[in-house]
Amino acid sequence: MLPTMTREFFHFLEGISIKDLREVTGKEILDYYHYLRTRPNHRGPGTLSESMQHSHLWALRILFTYLQAEGVIDADPMSVLSFPRPKKKERAVLTHQEIRKLYHACESFKDKALLGLFYGCGLRKSEVEALNVKDISFRGRLVYVRSGKGKRRRAIPVPERVMEDLKSYYYQERVHVLHKQRGASLDPQRAFLLNKGGTRMMGQSLWRRLRILVLKAGIKDPARVTLHCLRHSIATHLLGSGVAIEQVRDFLGHTHLESTQVYTRVGRKYLVGKL
């Protein structure tokens, strides 16, 4: 990510006719910051998030610190500048009723499988993208995450209803996709969730499908509902139902218990909102 961010900065400098980093001053950094605030987000709707803007500026701090240490520049133009830190967004959590509405909005077993993986199993987007057929044990009712965040592996017990949805998708809908794409130069035997064309479902496809379900379900403030919101929701619901925090930590694949404790604070607000 760091090289990509610095390349974007170099491209910006070329656009204002600067080809030597020794010519960069605080003014150009501020101009770049204003550019980042309006730059479209190429991976989703709207502009760059505050956290992503902060990451771009962090990349510049590393770049100019290195250049000054190597004697390439005399002064670091970033050293005299300060920028607002991104506001921590409150984690969005859906109610049980909203989850039911999403399930009622499903038009296929694949829709239910998608909800099952993100909500029922609490998987991250990258984990769903990487999920292969061999990672699901229908008989043992387990989903195996081979390489989660921080290379952590875990086995997730799957509720019976969620597993039935996964099985229905695999045996009834997925096979039809494979049949239609017979002979294509694909590797469909590995990926569990497939697009209509037989390719592995990735972030944009997953997000678009969830967006359709959210709008169809009539959920208020639909912009707050993301793929990761489903993971937040199941964590909060599990803790609210009395599941031990250590079990939720293992379920989510957190390295530290502190990461899971965030949901206890979110859960208190969630419960108050239900009263």
Protein backbone atom coordinates (compact mmCIF):
# COMPACT_ATOMS: atom_id res chain seq x y z
CA MET A 1 0.00 0.00 0.00
CA LEU A 2 2.85 2.39 0.83
CA PRO A 3 4.37 2.28 -2.70
CA THR A 4 0.92 2.83 -4.23
CA MET A 5 0.32 5.89 -2.07
CA THR A 6 3.71 7.44 -2.82
CA ARG A 7 3.20 6.82 -6.55
CA GLU A 8 -0.06 8.75 -6.37
CA PHE A 9 1.79 11.63 -4.71
CA PHE A 10 4.44 11.58 -7.46
CA HIS A 11 1.69 11.66 -10.08
CA PHE A 12 0.15 14.66 -8.31
CA LEU A 13 3.52 16.45 -8.33
CA GLU A 14 3.92 15.82 -12.05
CA GLY A 15 0.53 17.43 -12.57
CA ILE A 16 1.81 20.64 -10.99
CA SER A 17 5.15 20.45 -12.87
CA ILE A 18 7.33 19.37 -9.93
CA LYS A 19 9.81 16.63 -10.81
CA ASP A 20 12.29 17.04 -7.95
CA LEU A 21 11.28 16.20 -4.37
CA ARG A 22 13.67 18.89 -3.13
CA GLU A 23 11.23 21.44 -4.54
CA VAL A 24 8.35 20.23 -2.36
CA THR A 25 7.28 22.65 0.38
CA GLY A 26 4.49 22.73 2.89
CA LYS A 27 2.30 24.46 0.30
CA GLU A 28 2.42 21.48 -2.06
CA ILE A 29 1.67 19.11 0.83
CA LEU A 30 -1.39 21.17 1.78
CA ASP A 31 -2.52 21.25 -1.85
CA TYR A 32 -2.17 17.47 -1.95
CA TYR A 33 -4.21 17.16 1.25
CA HIS A 34 -7.03 19.19 -0.31
CA TYR A 35 -6.80 16.95 -3.38
CA LEU A 36 -7.16 13.84 -1.19
CA ARG A 37 -10.26 15.26 0.47
CA THR A 38 -12.07 15.46 -2.88
CA ARG A 39 -10.47 12.53 -4.68
CA PRO A 40 -13.05 9.84 -5.65
CA ASN A 41 -12.86 6.49 -3.91
CA HIS A 42 -12.03 3.99 -6.66
CA ARG A 43 -13.18 1.02 -4.56
CA GLY A 44 -16.61 2.26 -3.61
CA PRO A 45 -19.00 5.19 -3.66
CA GLY A 46 -18.08 8.72 -2.59
CA THR A 47 -14.67 10.14 -1.75
CA LEU A 48 -11.77 8.80 0.31
CA SER A 49 -12.56 8.16 3.94
CA GLU A 50 -10.82 10.22 6.61
CA SER A 51 -8.83 7.17 7.67
CA MET A 52 -7.61 6.61 4.10
CA GLN A 53 -6.64 10.27 3.78
CA HIS A 54 -4.69 9.87 7.02
CA SER A 55 -2.93 6.79 5.59
CA HIS A 56 -1.82 8.76 2.53
CA LEU A 57 -0.37 11.49 4.74
CA TRP A 58 1.31 8.87 6.93
CA ALA A 59 2.98 7.48 3.81
CA LEU A 60 4.33 10.96 3.03
CA ARG A 61 5.72 11.31 6.55
CA ILE A 62 7.64 8.08 6.11
CA LEU A 63 8.87 9.17 2.69
CA PHE A 64 10.18 12.57 3.77
CA THR A 65 11.64 11.25 7.03
CA TYR A 66 13.62 8.76 4.98
CA LEU A 67 14.75 11.38 2.43
CA GLN A 68 15.97 13.69 5.18
CA ALA A 69 17.80 10.85 6.96
CA GLU A 70 19.54 9.96 3.69
CA GLY A 71 20.54 13.57 3.08
CA VAL A 72 18.44 13.89 -0.08
CA ILE A 73 16.54 16.88 1.36
CA ASP A 74 17.68 19.42 3.94
CA ALA A 75 14.34 19.88 5.66
CA ASP A 76 11.22 17.76 6.00
CA PRO A 77 8.21 19.75 4.69
CA MET A 78 5.88 17.55 6.71
CA SER A 79 7.52 18.45 10.03
CA VAL A 80 5.85 21.87 10.25
CA LEU A 81 2.39 20.63 9.30
CA SER A 82 -0.37 19.05 11.35
CA PHE A 83 -3.57 17.48 10.13
CA PRO A 84 -6.76 16.47 11.94
CA ARG A 85 -6.85 12.87 12.98
CA PRO A 86 -9.72 10.83 11.56
CA LYS A 87 -12.75 10.60 13.78
CA LYS A 88 -13.43 7.13 15.07
CA LYS A 89 -16.77 6.08 13.68
CA GLU A 90 -19.16 4.33 16.00
CA ARG A 91 -19.51 0.73 14.93
CA ALA A 92 -22.82 0.16 13.22
CA VAL A 93 -24.82 -2.76 14.61
CA LEU A 94 -28.02 -4.15 13.16
CA THR A 95 -30.83 -5.30 15.39
CA HIS A 96 -32.15 -8.86 15.30
CA GLN A 97 -35.22 -7.53 13.51
CA GLU A 98 -33.07 -5.90 10.82
CA ILE A 99 -31.17 -9.15 10.32
CA ARG A 100 -34.49 -10.94 9.84
CA LYS A 101 -35.51 -8.32 7.29
CA LEU A 102 -32.30 -8.98 5.34
CA TYR A 103 -33.03 -12.71 5.28
CA HIS A 104 -36.61 -12.07 4.14
CA ALA A 105 -35.21 -9.94 1.31
CA CYS A 106 -33.07 -12.81 -0.01
CA GLU A 107 -33.89 -13.94 -3.54
CA SER A 108 -31.63 -16.99 -3.69
CA PHE A 109 -29.68 -19.47 -1.62
CA LYS A 110 -26.55 -17.52 -2.53
CA ASP A 111 -28.00 -14.45 -0.83
CA LYS A 112 -28.61 -16.52 2.30
CA ALA A 113 -25.13 -18.05 2.03
CA LEU A 114 -23.63 -14.55 1.83
CA LEU A 115 -25.48 -13.47 4.98
CA GLY A 116 -24.56 -16.74 6.65
CA LEU A 117 -20.86 -16.26 6.07
CA PHE A 118 -20.70 -12.62 7.11
CA TYR A 119 -23.26 -12.67 9.92
CA GLY A 120 -23.67 -16.33 10.91
CA CYS A 121 -19.92 -17.02 10.78
CA GLY A 122 -18.62 -13.50 11.41
CA LEU A 123 -16.11 -13.66 8.56
CA ARG A 124 -14.14 -10.70 7.24
CA LYS A 125 -14.48 -9.69 3.59
CA SER A 126 -11.01 -11.05 2.75
CA GLU A 127 -11.89 -14.36 4.42
CA VAL A 128 -15.09 -14.77 2.40
CA GLU A 129 -13.23 -13.86 -0.79
CA ALA A 130 -10.62 -16.56 -0.09
CA LEU A 131 -13.11 -19.22 1.02
CA ASN A 132 -12.85 -22.44 -0.97
CA VAL A 133 -15.16 -25.46 -1.12
CA LYS A 134 -12.66 -27.56 0.84
CA ASP A 135 -12.85 -25.04 3.70
CA ILE A 136 -16.43 -26.05 4.53
CA SER A 137 -17.22 -29.27 6.35
CA PHE A 138 -20.92 -29.92 5.84
CA ARG A 139 -20.84 -33.05 7.98
CA GLY A 140 -18.86 -31.45 10.81
CA ARG A 141 -20.72 -28.12 10.50
CA LEU A 142 -17.47 -26.18 10.46
CA VAL A 143 -15.98 -23.41 8.34
CA TYR A 144 -12.19 -23.31 8.27
CA VAL A 145 -10.39 -19.99 7.87
CA ARG A 146 -6.99 -21.00 6.53
CA SER A 147 -5.35 -17.60 6.71
CA GLY A 148 -7.18 -14.87 8.56
CA LYS A 149 -5.88 -11.50 9.68
CA GLY A 150 -2.33 -11.88 10.94
CA LYS A 151 -2.11 -15.33 9.28
CA ARG A 152 -4.32 -16.76 12.04
CA ARG A 153 -6.17 -20.00 11.36
CA ARG A 154 -9.43 -20.94 13.03
CA ALA A 155 -12.36 -23.33 12.79
CA ILE A 156 -15.81 -21.78 13.17
CA PRO A 157 -18.81 -23.83 14.37
CA VAL A 158 -21.73 -23.09 12.07
CA PRO A 159 -25.36 -22.95 13.29
CA GLU A 160 -27.54 -25.64 11.71
CA ARG A 161 -29.75 -23.18 9.82
CA VAL A 162 -26.74 -21.36 8.37
CA MET A 163 -25.16 -24.65 7.31
CA GLU A 164 -28.40 -25.67 5.59
CA ASP A 165 -28.27 -22.44 3.57
CA LEU A 166 -24.64 -23.11 2.61
CA LYS A 167 -25.52 -26.65 1.55
CA SER A 168 -28.55 -25.52 -0.44
CA TYR A 169 -26.44 -22.98 -2.33
CA TYR A 170 -23.65 -25.47 -2.97
CA TYR A 171 -25.82 -28.37 -4.17
CA GLN A 172 -28.61 -26.46 -5.93
CA GLU A 173 -27.35 -23.13 -7.28
CA ARG A 174 -23.59 -23.40 -7.53
CA VAL A 175 -23.75 -26.58 -9.63
CA HIS A 176 -25.90 -24.79 -12.20
CA VAL A 177 -23.27 -22.06 -12.55
CA LEU A 178 -20.60 -24.69 -13.11
CA HIS A 179 -22.76 -26.47 -15.67
CA LYS A 180 -23.28 -23.26 -17.66
CA GLN A 181 -19.57 -22.46 -17.60
CA ARG A 182 -18.40 -25.95 -18.55
CA GLY A 183 -15.24 -25.80 -20.60
CA ALA A 184 -14.36 -22.26 -19.55
CA SER A 185 -10.79 -21.58 -18.50
CA LEU A 186 -11.69 -21.10 -14.85
CA ASP A 187 -10.87 -22.73 -11.57
CA PRO A 188 -14.40 -22.93 -10.15
CA GLN A 189 -13.80 -26.06 -8.11
CA ARG A 190 -11.94 -24.03 -5.50
CA ALA A 191 -14.00 -20.90 -4.84
CA PHE A 192 -17.16 -21.39 -2.79
CA LEU A 193 -19.10 -18.26 -3.78
CA LEU A 194 -19.24 -17.77 -7.55
CA ASN A 195 -20.46 -14.95 -9.74
CA LYS A 196 -22.85 -15.73 -12.58
CA GLY A 197 -19.85 -16.03 -14.89
CA GLY A 198 -18.31 -18.72 -12.71
CA THR A 199 -15.57 -16.54 -11.24
CA ARG A 200 -14.81 -16.08 -7.56
CA MET A 201 -16.99 -13.43 -5.88
CA MET A 202 -14.82 -10.56 -4.71
CA GLY A 203 -15.40 -7.41 -2.66
CA GLN A 204 -17.33 -5.31 -5.16
CA SER A 205 -19.69 -8.15 -6.10
CA LEU A 206 -20.30 -9.02 -2.46
CA TRP A 207 -20.89 -5.40 -1.52
CA ARG A 208 -23.29 -4.79 -4.43
CA ARG A 209 -25.35 -7.84 -3.52
CA LEU A 210 -25.61 -6.78 0.12
CA ARG A 211 -26.58 -3.28 -1.00
CA ILE A 212 -29.49 -4.72 -2.99
CA LEU A 213 -30.69 -6.72 0.02
CA VAL A 214 -30.42 -3.71 2.34
CA LEU A 215 -32.49 -1.51 0.02
CA LYS A 216 -35.05 -4.25 -0.57
CA ALA A 217 -35.35 -4.84 3.18
CA GLY A 218 -36.12 -1.15 3.74
CA ILE A 219 -33.53 -0.75 6.49
CA LYS A 220 -33.22 2.79 7.78
CA ASP A 221 -29.97 4.62 7.03
CA PRO A 222 -28.80 1.97 4.53
CA ALA A 223 -25.37 3.60 4.11
CA ARG A 224 -24.35 2.32 7.55
CA VAL A 225 -24.82 -1.32 6.52
CA THR A 226 -21.58 -2.76 5.19
CA LEU A 227 -20.18 -6.26 4.95
CA HIS A 228 -18.15 -5.61 8.10
CA CYS A 229 -21.27 -4.29 9.84
CA LEU A 230 -22.62 -7.86 9.75
CA ARG A 231 -19.50 -9.04 11.61
CA HIS A 232 -19.97 -6.25 14.18
CA SER A 233 -23.59 -7.29 14.57
CA ILE A 234 -23.00 -10.97 15.27
CA ALA A 235 -20.25 -10.14 17.77
CA THR A 236 -22.57 -7.78 19.63
CA HIS A 237 -25.47 -10.24 19.52
CA LEU A 238 -23.35 -13.10 20.84
CA LEU A 239 -22.05 -11.06 23.76
CA GLY A 240 -25.58 -9.78 24.43
CA SER A 241 -26.86 -13.35 24.60
CA GLY A 242 -24.32 -14.27 27.28
CA VAL A 243 -21.58 -15.98 25.23
CA ALA A 244 -18.22 -15.65 27.01
CA ILE A 245 -15.98 -12.94 25.62
CA GLU A 246 -13.14 -15.47 25.16
CA GLN A 247 -15.37 -17.58 22.92
CA VAL A 248 -16.35 -14.53 20.87
CA ARG A 249 -12.66 -13.63 20.55
CA ASP A 250 -11.87 -17.05 19.12
CA PHE A 251 -14.98 -16.94 16.91
CA LEU A 252 -13.88 -13.63 15.37
CA GLY A 253 -10.21 -14.60 15.15
CA HIS A 254 -8.95 -11.73 17.29
CA THR A 255 -5.40 -11.93 18.59
CA HIS A 256 -6.04 -9.83 21.68
CA LEU A 257 -9.02 -9.81 24.01
CA GLU A 258 -8.99 -5.99 23.95
CA SER A 259 -10.16 -6.09 20.33
CA THR A 260 -13.22 -8.06 21.36
CA GLN A 261 -13.95 -5.91 24.41
CA VAL A 262 -14.90 -3.07 22.05
CA TYR A 263 -18.13 -4.95 21.39
CA THR A 264 -19.07 -4.93 25.06
CA ARG A 265 -19.24 -1.11 24.89
CA VAL A 266 -21.10 -1.24 21.58
CA GLY A 267 -23.42 -3.84 23.06
CA ARG A 268 -24.43 -1.61 25.95
CA LYS A 269 -25.53 1.13 23.50
CA TYR A 270 -27.28 -1.50 21.39
CA LEU A 271 -29.21 -2.85 24.35
CA VAL A 272 -30.18 0.62 25.55
CA GLY A 273 -31.47 1.36 22.04
CA LYS A 274 -33.75 -1.68 22.23
CA LEU A 275 -35.42 -0.61 25.48
